[in-house]
All heavy atoms as atom14 arrays in JSON, in Angstrom:
{
  "sequence": "PMAMINTFEMMPPGQALPNLRPRPGVRFGRPLDFSEYYGQEDDREV",
  "atom14_mask": [
    [1, 1, 1, 1, 1, 1, 1, 0, 0, 0, 0, 0, 0, 0],
    [1, 1, 1, 1, 1, 1, 1, 1, 0, 0, 0, 0, 0, 0],
    [1, 1, 1, 1, 1, 0, 0, 0, 0, 0, 0, 0, 0, 0],
    [1, 1, 1, 1, 1, 1, 1, 1, 0, 0, 0, 0, 0, 0],
    [1, 1, 1, 1, 1, 1, 1, 1, 0, 0, 0, 0, 0, 0],
    [1, 1, 1, 1, 1, 1, 1, 1, 0, 0, 0, 0, 0, 0],
    [1, 1, 1, 1, 1, 1, 1, 0, 0, 0, 0, 0, 0, 0],
    [1, 1, 1, 1, 1, 1, 1, 1, 1, 1, 1, 0, 0, 0],
    [1, 1, 1, 1, 1, 1, 1, 1, 1, 0, 0, 0, 0, 0],
    [1, 1, 1, 1, 1, 1, 1, 1, 0, 0, 0, 0, 0, 0],
    [1, 1, 1, 1, 1, 1, 1, 1, 0, 0, 0, 0, 0, 0],
    [1, 1, 1, 1, 1, 1, 1, 0, 0, 0, 0, 0, 0, 0],
    [1, 1, 1, 1, 1, 1, 1, 0, 0, 0, 0, 0, 0, 0],
    [1, 1, 1, 1, 0, 0, 0, 0, 0, 0, 0, 0, 0, 0],
    [1, 1, 1, 1, 1, 1, 1, 1, 1, 0, 0, 0, 0, 0],
    [1, 1, 1, 1, 1, 0, 0, 0, 0, 0, 0, 0, 0, 0],
    [1, 1, 1, 1, 1, 1, 1, 1, 0, 0, 0, 0, 0, 0],
    [1, 1, 1, 1, 1, 1, 1, 0, 0, 0, 0, 0, 0, 0],
    [1, 1, 1, 1, 1, 1, 1, 1, 0, 0, 0, 0, 0, 0],
    [1, 1, 1, 1, 1, 1, 1, 1, 0, 0, 0, 0, 0, 0],
    [1, 1, 1, 1, 1, 1, 1, 1, 1, 1, 1, 0, 0, 0],
    [1, 1, 1, 1, 1, 1, 1, 0, 0, 0, 0, 0, 0, 0],
    [1, 1, 1, 1, 1, 1, 1, 1, 1, 1, 1, 0, 0, 0],
    [1, 1, 1, 1, 1, 1, 1, 0, 0, 0, 0, 0, 0, 0],
    [1, 1, 1, 1, 0, 0, 0, 0, 0, 0, 0, 0, 0, 0],
    [1, 1, 1, 1, 1, 1, 1, 0, 0, 0, 0, 0, 0, 0],
    [1, 1, 1, 1, 1, 1, 1, 1, 1, 1, 1, 0, 0, 0],
    [1, 1, 1, 1, 1, 1, 1, 1, 1, 1, 1, 0, 0, 0],
    [1, 1, 1, 1, 0, 0, 0, 0, 0, 0, 0, 0, 0, 0],
    [1, 1, 1, 1, 1, 1, 1, 1, 1, 1, 1, 0, 0, 0],
    [1, 1, 1, 1, 1, 1, 1, 0, 0, 0, 0, 0, 0, 0],
    [1, 1, 1, 1, 1, 1, 1, 1, 0, 0, 0, 0, 0, 0],
    [1, 1, 1, 1, 1, 1, 1, 1, 0, 0, 0, 0, 0, 0],
    [1, 1, 1, 1, 1, 1, 1, 1, 1, 1, 1, 0, 0, 0],
    [1, 1, 1, 1, 1, 1, 0, 0, 0, 0, 0, 0, 0, 0],
    [1, 1, 1, 1, 1, 1, 1, 1, 1, 0, 0, 0, 0, 0],
    [1, 1, 1, 1, 1, 1, 1, 1, 1, 1, 1, 1, 0, 0],
    [1, 1, 1, 1, 1, 1, 1, 1, 1, 1, 1, 1, 0, 0],
    [1, 1, 1, 1, 0, 0, 0, 0, 0, 0, 0, 0, 0, 0],
    [1, 1, 1, 1, 1, 1, 1, 1, 1, 0, 0, 0, 0, 0],
    [1, 1, 1, 1, 1, 1, 1, 1, 1, 0, 0, 0, 0, 0],
    [1, 1, 1, 1, 1, 1, 1, 1, 0, 0, 0, 0, 0, 0],
    [1, 1, 1, 1, 1, 1, 1, 1, 0, 0, 0, 0, 0, 0],
    [1, 1, 1, 1, 1, 1, 1, 1, 1, 1, 1, 0, 0, 0],
    [1, 1, 1, 1, 1, 1, 1, 1, 1, 0, 0, 0, 0, 0],
    [1, 1, 1, 1, 1, 1, 1, 0, 0, 0, 0, 0, 0, 0]
  ],
  "atom14_positions": [
    [[-189.1, -46.77, -59.02], [-190.59, -46.62, -59.26], [-190.84, -45.95, -60.51], [-190.16, -44.87, -60.8], [-191.01, -45.96, -57.96], [-189.78, -45.21, -57.46], [-188.64, -46.08, -57.77], [0.0, 0.0, 0.0], [0.0, 0.0, 0.0], [0.0, 0.0, 0.0], [0.0, 0.0, 0.0], [0.0, 0.0, 0.0], [0.0, 0.0, 0.0], [0.0, 0.0, 0.0]],
    [[-191.97, -46.35, -61.16], [-192.25, -45.75, -62.49], [-193.71, -45.63, -62.56], [-194.41, -46.57, -62.33], [-191.61, -46.68, -63.51], [-191.99, -46.48, -64.93], [-191.11, -47.7, -65.94], [-191.96, -47.53, -67.56], [0.0, 0.0, 0.0], [0.0, 0.0, 0.0], [0.0, 0.0, 0.0], [0.0, 0.0, 0.0], [0.0, 0.0, 0.0], [0.0, 0.0, 0.0]],
    [[-194.23, -44.53, -62.95], [-195.67, -44.31, -63.02], [-196.13, -43.83, -64.41], [-195.61, -42.76, -64.94], [-196.08, -43.24, -61.91], [0.0, 0.0, 0.0], [0.0, 0.0, 0.0], [0.0, 0.0, 0.0], [0.0, 0.0, 0.0], [0.0, 0.0, 0.0], [0.0, 0.0, 0.0], [0.0, 0.0, 0.0], [0.0, 0.0, 0.0], [0.0, 0.0, 0.0]],
    [[-197.02, -44.55, -64.98], [-197.61, -44.18, -66.26], [-198.72, -43.18, -65.88], [-199.47, -43.34, -65.05], [-198.26, -45.34, -67.01], [-197.18, -46.44, -67.25], [-195.66, -45.81, -68.18], [-196.5, -44.99, -69.6], [0.0, 0.0, 0.0], [0.0, 0.0, 0.0], [0.0, 0.0, 0.0], [0.0, 0.0, 0.0], [0.0, 0.0, 0.0], [0.0, 0.0, 0.0]],
    [[-198.73, -42.08, -66.73], [-199.75, -40.96, -66.48], [-200.63, -40.82, -67.71], [-200.1, -40.7, -68.83], [-199.02, -39.7, -66.17], [-197.94, -39.87, -65.04], [-200.03, -38.56, -65.89], [-198.58, -40.27, -63.71], [0.0, 0.0, 0.0], [0.0, 0.0, 0.0], [0.0, 0.0, 0.0], [0.0, 0.0, 0.0], [0.0, 0.0, 0.0], [0.0, 0.0, 0.0]],
    [[-201.94, -40.78, -67.46], [-202.97, -40.48, -68.51], [-203.07, -41.55, -69.63], [-203.76, -41.27, -70.57], [-202.72, -39.09, -69.07], [-203.04, -38.02, -68.21], [-203.86, -38.21, -67.25], [-202.44, -36.87, -68.33], [0.0, 0.0, 0.0], [0.0, 0.0, 0.0], [0.0, 0.0, 0.0], [0.0, 0.0, 0.0], [0.0, 0.0, 0.0], [0.0, 0.0, 0.0]],
    [[-202.37, -42.63, -69.52], [-202.51, -43.68, -70.59], [-203.82, -44.36, -70.53], [-204.32, -44.86, -71.54], [-201.34, -44.61, -70.49], [-201.3, -45.24, -69.18], [-200.04, -44.03, -70.88], [0.0, 0.0, 0.0], [0.0, 0.0, 0.0], [0.0, 0.0, 0.0], [0.0, 0.0, 0.0], [0.0, 0.0, 0.0], [0.0, 0.0, 0.0], [0.0, 0.0, 0.0]],
    [[-204.5, -44.43, -69.36], [-205.79, -45.01, -69.26], [-206.79, -44.18, -70.0], [-207.59, -44.69, -70.82], [-206.2, -45.16, -67.8], [-207.57, -45.88, -67.65], [-207.58, -47.26, -67.59], [-208.71, -45.14, -67.6], [-208.79, -47.94, -67.39], [-209.97, -45.86, -67.46], [-209.96, -47.26, -67.4], [0.0, 0.0, 0.0], [0.0, 0.0, 0.0], [0.0, 0.0, 0.0]],
    [[-206.75, -42.88, -69.83], [-207.62, -41.93, -70.49], [-207.38, -41.95, -72.04], [-208.26, -41.83, -72.86], [-207.56, -40.57, -69.97], [-207.94, -40.43, -68.53], [-206.97, -40.71, -67.47], [-205.8, -41.25, -67.94], [-207.15, -40.41, -66.3], [0.0, 0.0, 0.0], [0.0, 0.0, 0.0], [0.0, 0.0, 0.0], [0.0, 0.0, 0.0], [0.0, 0.0, 0.0]],
    [[-206.07, -42.13, -72.33], [-205.71, -42.04, -73.77], [-206.23, -43.28, -74.53], [-206.74, -43.21, -75.59], [-204.22, -42.02, -73.9], [-203.68, -42.12, -75.25], [-201.82, -42.4, -75.27], [-201.64, -42.9, -76.97], [0.0, 0.0, 0.0], [0.0, 0.0, 0.0], [0.0, 0.0, 0.0], [0.0, 0.0, 0.0], [0.0, 0.0, 0.0], [0.0, 0.0, 0.0]],
    [[-206.01, -44.51, -73.88], [-206.38, -45.76, -74.54], [-206.83, -46.77, -73.43], [-206.03, -47.68, -73.12], [-205.26, -46.28, -75.38], [-205.6, -47.4, -76.29], [-204.25, -47.77, -77.42], [-204.97, -49.13, -78.37], [0.0, 0.0, 0.0], [0.0, 0.0, 0.0], [0.0, 0.0, 0.0], [0.0, 0.0, 0.0], [0.0, 0.0, 0.0], [0.0, 0.0, 0.0]],
    [[-208.06, -46.66, -72.95], [-208.43, -47.6, -71.98], [-208.62, -49.04, -72.48], [-208.64, -49.28, -73.72], [-209.84, -47.08, -71.56], [-210.26, -46.31, -72.69], [-209.06, -45.72, -73.33], [0.0, 0.0, 0.0], [0.0, 0.0, 0.0], [0.0, 0.0, 0.0], [0.0, 0.0, 0.0], [0.0, 0.0, 0.0], [0.0, 0.0, 0.0], [0.0, 0.0, 0.0]],
    [[-208.46, -50.01, -71.64], [-208.61, -51.43, -72.07], [-209.84, -51.69, -72.87], [-210.92, -51.19, -72.62], [-208.62, -52.3, -70.84], [-207.94, -51.4, -69.85], [-208.29, -50.02, -70.2], [0.0, 0.0, 0.0], [0.0, 0.0, 0.0], [0.0, 0.0, 0.0], [0.0, 0.0, 0.0], [0.0, 0.0, 0.0], [0.0, 0.0, 0.0], [0.0, 0.0, 0.0]],
    [[-209.7, -52.41, -74.09], [-210.78, -52.71, -74.9], [-210.97, -51.74, -75.97], [-211.75, -51.99, -76.95], [0.0, 0.0, 0.0], [0.0, 0.0, 0.0], [0.0, 0.0, 0.0], [0.0, 0.0, 0.0], [0.0, 0.0, 0.0], [0.0, 0.0, 0.0], [0.0, 0.0, 0.0], [0.0, 0.0, 0.0], [0.0, 0.0, 0.0], [0.0, 0.0, 0.0]],
    [[-210.32, -50.58, -75.95], [-210.49, -49.54, -77.03], [-209.41, -49.77, -78.11], [-208.17, -49.92, -77.76], [-210.37, -48.18, -76.41], [-210.5, -47.01, -77.44], [-210.6, -45.7, -76.75], [-211.48, -45.47, -75.95], [-209.86, -44.73, -77.19], [0.0, 0.0, 0.0], [0.0, 0.0, 0.0], [0.0, 0.0, 0.0], [0.0, 0.0, 0.0], [0.0, 0.0, 0.0]],
    [[-209.81, -49.94, -79.31], [-208.88, -50.22, -80.43], [-207.94, -49.06, -80.81], [-206.75, -49.24, -81.09], [-209.64, -50.6, -81.63], [0.0, 0.0, 0.0], [0.0, 0.0, 0.0], [0.0, 0.0, 0.0], [0.0, 0.0, 0.0], [0.0, 0.0, 0.0], [0.0, 0.0, 0.0], [0.0, 0.0, 0.0], [0.0, 0.0, 0.0], [0.0, 0.0, 0.0]],
    [[-208.51, -47.81, -80.8], [-207.66, -46.65, -81.2], [-207.54, -45.68, -80.11], [-208.43, -45.48, -79.4], [-208.33, -46.03, -82.47], [-208.53, -46.82, -83.75], [-209.34, -46.11, -84.8], [-207.2, -47.27, -84.25], [0.0, 0.0, 0.0], [0.0, 0.0, 0.0], [0.0, 0.0, 0.0], [0.0, 0.0, 0.0], [0.0, 0.0, 0.0], [0.0, 0.0, 0.0]],
    [[-206.34, -45.13, -79.99], [-206.14, -44.14, -78.93], [-206.76, -42.8, -79.12], [-206.95, -42.4, -80.23], [-204.58, -43.98, -79.02], [-204.25, -44.14, -80.47], [-205.17, -45.23, -80.89], [0.0, 0.0, 0.0], [0.0, 0.0, 0.0], [0.0, 0.0, 0.0], [0.0, 0.0, 0.0], [0.0, 0.0, 0.0], [0.0, 0.0, 0.0], [0.0, 0.0, 0.0]],
    [[-207.09, -42.19, -78.0], [-207.63, -40.73, -78.11], [-206.44, -39.84, -78.26], [-205.32, -40.09, -77.78], [-208.39, -40.45, -76.7], [-209.56, -41.39, -76.52], [-210.29, -41.68, -77.45], [-209.73, -41.88, -75.25], [0.0, 0.0, 0.0], [0.0, 0.0, 0.0], [0.0, 0.0, 0.0], [0.0, 0.0, 0.0], [0.0, 0.0, 0.0], [0.0, 0.0, 0.0]],
    [[-206.66, -38.68, -78.79], [-205.61, -37.75, -79.05], [-205.28, -36.9, -77.79], [-204.28, -36.26, -77.68], [-205.93, -36.81, -80.23], [-206.11, -37.53, -81.52], [-206.43, -36.47, -82.62], [-204.76, -38.2, -81.92], [0.0, 0.0, 0.0], [0.0, 0.0, 0.0], [0.0, 0.0, 0.0], [0.0, 0.0, 0.0], [0.0, 0.0, 0.0], [0.0, 0.0, 0.0]],
    [[-206.18, -36.89, -76.87], [-205.97, -36.19, -75.55], [-206.62, -37.0, -74.44], [-207.54, -37.78, -74.72], [-206.56, -34.77, -75.63], [-205.9, -33.86, -76.6], [-204.52, -33.43, -76.04], [-203.82, -32.46, -76.91], [-203.06, -32.88, -77.96], [-202.9, -34.19, -78.19], [-202.45, -32.01, -78.66], [0.0, 0.0, 0.0], [0.0, 0.0, 0.0], [0.0, 0.0, 0.0]],
    [[-206.09, -36.9, -73.16], [-205.07, -35.98, -72.73], [-203.71, -36.45, -73.03], [-203.47, -37.57, -73.62], [-205.4, -36.01, -71.26], [-205.85, -37.38, -71.0], [-206.69, -37.74, -72.2], [0.0, 0.0, 0.0], [0.0, 0.0, 0.0], [0.0, 0.0, 0.0], [0.0, 0.0, 0.0], [0.0, 0.0, 0.0], [0.0, 0.0, 0.0], [0.0, 0.0, 0.0]],
    [[-202.68, -35.72, -72.59], [-201.36, -35.98, -72.86], [-200.79, -37.09, -71.94], [-200.89, -37.04, -70.76], [-200.5, -34.66, -72.62], [-200.74, -33.56, -73.62], [-200.14, -32.27, -73.21], [-198.69, -32.44, -73.16], [-197.79, -31.34, -72.8], [-198.37, -30.27, -72.34], [-196.49, -31.51, -72.81], [0.0, 0.0, 0.0], [0.0, 0.0, 0.0], [0.0, 0.0, 0.0]],
    [[-200.32, -38.19, -72.49], [-199.79, -39.24, -71.68], [-198.34, -38.98, -71.25], [-197.73, -37.92, -71.7], [-199.81, -40.47, -72.68], [-199.51, -39.75, -73.99], [-200.15, -38.47, -73.96], [0.0, 0.0, 0.0], [0.0, 0.0, 0.0], [0.0, 0.0, 0.0], [0.0, 0.0, 0.0], [0.0, 0.0, 0.0], [0.0, 0.0, 0.0], [0.0, 0.0, 0.0]],
    [[-197.77, -39.8, -70.41], [-196.44, -39.57, -70.02], [-195.94, -40.61, -68.92], [-196.71, -41.47, -68.61], [0.0, 0.0, 0.0], [0.0, 0.0, 0.0], [0.0, 0.0, 0.0], [0.0, 0.0, 0.0], [0.0, 0.0, 0.0], [0.0, 0.0, 0.0], [0.0, 0.0, 0.0], [0.0, 0.0, 0.0], [0.0, 0.0, 0.0], [0.0, 0.0, 0.0]],
    [[-194.75, -40.52, -68.54], [-194.24, -41.45, -67.54], [-193.35, -40.65, -66.59], [-192.67, -39.64, -66.96], [-193.3, -42.58, -68.19], [-192.24, -42.0, -68.99], [-192.86, -43.49, -67.16], [0.0, 0.0, 0.0], [0.0, 0.0, 0.0], [0.0, 0.0, 0.0], [0.0, 0.0, 0.0], [0.0, 0.0, 0.0], [0.0, 0.0, 0.0], [0.0, 0.0, 0.0]],
    [[-193.37, -41.04, -65.28], [-192.51, -40.4, -64.28], [-191.72, -41.46, -63.6], [-192.17, -42.56, -63.2], [-193.38, -39.74, -63.2], [-194.28, -38.58, -63.74], [-195.31, -38.14, -62.63], [-196.15, -37.09, -63.07], [-197.36, -36.8, -62.54], [-197.76, -37.37, -61.44], [-198.07, -35.83, -63.14], [0.0, 0.0, 0.0], [0.0, 0.0, 0.0], [0.0, 0.0, 0.0]],
    [[-190.42, -41.22, -63.54], [-189.47, -42.07, -62.81], [-189.08, -41.48, -61.5], [-188.62, -40.37, -61.41], [-188.25, -42.39, -63.73], [-188.52, -42.96, -65.02], [-188.65, -42.16, -66.21], [-188.65, -44.3, -65.2], [-188.92, -42.69, -67.45], [-188.93, -44.83, -66.4], [-189.07, -44.08, -67.5], [0.0, 0.0, 0.0], [0.0, 0.0, 0.0], [0.0, 0.0, 0.0]],
    [[-189.22, -42.31, -60.46], [-188.96, -41.74, -59.12], [-187.48, -42.12, -58.71], [-186.71, -42.83, -59.48], [0.0, 0.0, 0.0], [0.0, 0.0, 0.0], [0.0, 0.0, 0.0], [0.0, 0.0, 0.0], [0.0, 0.0, 0.0], [0.0, 0.0, 0.0], [0.0, 0.0, 0.0], [0.0, 0.0, 0.0], [0.0, 0.0, 0.0], [0.0, 0.0, 0.0]],
    [[-187.11, -41.69, -57.54], [-185.76, -41.91, -57.05], [-185.64, -43.41, -56.62], [-186.63, -44.06, -56.25], [-185.42, -41.05, -55.85], [-185.33, -39.58, -56.16], [-185.05, -38.77, -54.95], [-184.88, -37.37, -55.3], [-184.57, -36.42, -54.44], [-184.37, -36.74, -53.14], [-184.5, -35.2, -54.8], [0.0, 0.0, 0.0], [0.0, 0.0, 0.0], [0.0, 0.0, 0.0]],
    [[-184.45, -43.98, -56.78], [-184.2, -45.4, -56.43], [-184.66, -45.76, -54.99], [-184.42, -44.96, -54.05], [-182.71, -45.72, -56.59], [-182.35, -44.62, -57.62], [-183.23, -43.43, -57.26], [0.0, 0.0, 0.0], [0.0, 0.0, 0.0], [0.0, 0.0, 0.0], [0.0, 0.0, 0.0], [0.0, 0.0, 0.0], [0.0, 0.0, 0.0], [0.0, 0.0, 0.0]],
    [[-185.27, -46.84, -54.71], [-185.7, -47.33, -53.42], [-184.63, -48.15, -52.88], [-184.03, -48.98, -53.57], [-187.01, -48.09, -53.52], [-188.18, -47.33, -54.22], [-189.4, -48.31, -54.25], [-188.56, -46.05, -53.34], [0.0, 0.0, 0.0], [0.0, 0.0, 0.0], [0.0, 0.0, 0.0], [0.0, 0.0, 0.0], [0.0, 0.0, 0.0], [0.0, 0.0, 0.0]],
    [[-184.41, -48.07, -51.54], [-183.29, -48.78, -50.87], [-183.9, -49.91, -49.98], [-184.51, -49.61, -49.02], [-182.39, -47.77, -50.08], [-181.21, -48.49, -49.34], [-181.01, -49.73, -49.72], [-180.63, -47.93, -48.47], [0.0, 0.0, 0.0], [0.0, 0.0, 0.0], [0.0, 0.0, 0.0], [0.0, 0.0, 0.0], [0.0, 0.0, 0.0], [0.0, 0.0, 0.0]],
    [[-183.61, -51.12, -50.38], [-184.16, -52.3, -49.63], [-182.96, -53.06, -49.08], [-183.17, -54.3, -48.74], [-185.07, -53.1, -50.4], [-186.25, -52.39, -50.89], [-186.5, -52.17, -52.26], [-187.26, -51.93, -50.01], [-187.7, -51.6, -52.69], [-188.38, -51.3, -50.47], [-188.6, -51.06, -51.79], [0.0, 0.0, 0.0], [0.0, 0.0, 0.0], [0.0, 0.0, 0.0]],
    [[-181.83, -52.54, -48.96], [-180.63, -53.26, -48.56], [-180.78, -53.86, -47.1], [-180.22, -54.93, -46.84], [-179.36, -52.33, -48.58], [-179.54, -51.18, -47.73], [0.0, 0.0, 0.0], [0.0, 0.0, 0.0], [0.0, 0.0, 0.0], [0.0, 0.0, 0.0], [0.0, 0.0, 0.0], [0.0, 0.0, 0.0], [0.0, 0.0, 0.0], [0.0, 0.0, 0.0]],
    [[-181.64, -53.31, -46.3], [-181.83, -53.84, -44.97], [-182.51, -55.12, -44.89], [-182.45, -55.92, -44.0], [-182.54, -52.84, -44.09], [-183.98, -52.58, -44.48], [-184.68, -51.63, -43.66], [-184.91, -51.92, -42.45], [-185.09, -50.55, -44.09], [0.0, 0.0, 0.0], [0.0, 0.0, 0.0], [0.0, 0.0, 0.0], [0.0, 0.0, 0.0], [0.0, 0.0, 0.0]],
    [[-183.13, -55.47, -46.08], [-183.82, -56.75, -46.15], [-183.13, -57.81, -47.05], [-183.7, -58.91, -47.3], [-185.26, -56.55, -46.73], [-186.05, -55.6, -46.04], [-186.5, -54.29, -46.6], [-186.49, -55.84, -44.76], [-187.2, -53.41, -45.92], [-187.3, -54.89, -44.04], [-187.66, -53.69, -44.57], [-188.37, -52.81, -43.9], [0.0, 0.0, 0.0], [0.0, 0.0, 0.0]],
    [[-181.9, -57.5, -47.47], [-181.2, -58.48, -48.33], [-181.02, -59.8, -47.54], [-180.71, -59.8, -46.35], [-179.84, -57.92, -48.75], [-179.92, -56.83, -49.8], [-178.73, -56.09, -50.03], [-181.08, -56.58, -50.4], [-178.81, -55.06, -51.03], [-181.12, -55.61, -51.42], [-180.0, -54.8, -51.71], [-179.99, -53.88, -52.67], [0.0, 0.0, 0.0], [0.0, 0.0, 0.0]],
    [[-181.22, -60.85, -48.24], [-181.04, -62.18, -47.65], [-182.33, -62.68, -47.0], [-182.42, -63.88, -46.37], [0.0, 0.0, 0.0], [0.0, 0.0, 0.0], [0.0, 0.0, 0.0], [0.0, 0.0, 0.0], [0.0, 0.0, 0.0], [0.0, 0.0, 0.0], [0.0, 0.0, 0.0], [0.0, 0.0, 0.0], [0.0, 0.0, 0.0], [0.0, 0.0, 0.0]],
    [[-183.37, -61.93, -47.11], [-184.68, -62.33, -46.43], [-185.81, -62.49, -47.47], [-186.92, -62.36, -47.21], [-185.16, -61.25, -45.48], [-184.16, -60.91, -44.36], [-184.62, -59.9, -43.39], [-185.71, -60.06, -42.74], [-183.85, -58.82, -43.26], [0.0, 0.0, 0.0], [0.0, 0.0, 0.0], [0.0, 0.0, 0.0], [0.0, 0.0, 0.0], [0.0, 0.0, 0.0]],
    [[-185.37, -62.86, -48.74], [-186.31, -63.02, -49.8], [-187.29, -64.24, -49.69], [-188.2, -64.32, -50.5], [-185.65, -63.05, -51.11], [-184.53, -64.07, -51.26], [-183.23, -63.53, -50.96], [-183.12, -62.5, -50.17], [-182.23, -64.11, -51.4], [0.0, 0.0, 0.0], [0.0, 0.0, 0.0], [0.0, 0.0, 0.0], [0.0, 0.0, 0.0], [0.0, 0.0, 0.0]],
    [[-187.05, -65.0, -48.61], [-188.03, -66.16, -48.41], [-188.92, -65.8, -47.2], [-189.76, -66.71, -46.87], [-187.18, -67.45, -48.1], [-186.49, -67.94, -49.38], [-186.99, -67.73, -50.53], [-185.27, -68.48, -49.22], [0.0, 0.0, 0.0], [0.0, 0.0, 0.0], [0.0, 0.0, 0.0], [0.0, 0.0, 0.0], [0.0, 0.0, 0.0], [0.0, 0.0, 0.0]],
    [[-188.87, -64.72, -46.66], [-189.72, -64.24, -45.52], [-190.89, -63.58, -46.08], [-190.88, -62.53, -46.65], [-188.9, -63.35, -44.57], [-189.61, -62.99, -43.33], [-190.88, -62.76, -43.42], [-189.03, -62.96, -42.24], [0.0, 0.0, 0.0], [0.0, 0.0, 0.0], [0.0, 0.0, 0.0], [0.0, 0.0, 0.0], [0.0, 0.0, 0.0], [0.0, 0.0, 0.0]],
    [[-192.09, -64.24, -45.89], [-193.34, -63.66, -46.5], [-193.69, -62.32, -45.98], [-194.21, -61.48, -46.68], [-194.47, -64.69, -46.26], [-194.39, -65.95, -47.13], [-195.52, -66.81, -46.96], [-195.5, -68.01, -47.79], [-195.93, -68.04, -49.01], [-196.42, -66.95, -49.63], [-195.84, -69.13, -49.78], [0.0, 0.0, 0.0], [0.0, 0.0, 0.0], [0.0, 0.0, 0.0]],
    [[-193.49, -62.17, -44.72], [-193.83, -60.81, -44.1], [-192.91, -59.77, -44.64], [-193.38, -58.59, -44.99], [-193.68, -60.89, -42.57], [-194.72, -61.7, -41.9], [-194.64, -61.66, -40.36], [-193.82, -60.87, -39.85], [-195.34, -62.4, -39.71], [0.0, 0.0, 0.0], [0.0, 0.0, 0.0], [0.0, 0.0, 0.0], [0.0, 0.0, 0.0], [0.0, 0.0, 0.0]],
    [[-191.64, -60.03, -44.87], [-190.75, -59.07, -45.49], [-191.15, -58.77, -46.88], [-191.12, -57.6, -47.32], [-189.28, -59.58, -45.46], [-188.37, -58.7, -46.28], [-188.78, -59.54, -43.96], [0.0, 0.0, 0.0], [0.0, 0.0, 0.0], [0.0, 0.0, 0.0], [0.0, 0.0, 0.0], [0.0, 0.0, 0.0], [0.0, 0.0, 0.0], [0.0, 0.0, 0.0]]
  ]
}
């Protein structure tokens, strides 16, 4: 999982030039484990 932080405030859609504040950034989370669902990629509920 990956989360962009403050990039909306820095440069919202439609704005040509970025704002100098607030400070943008990115956060990377720990890997997610979906091994229990392997082989079920055609199951819509899964």
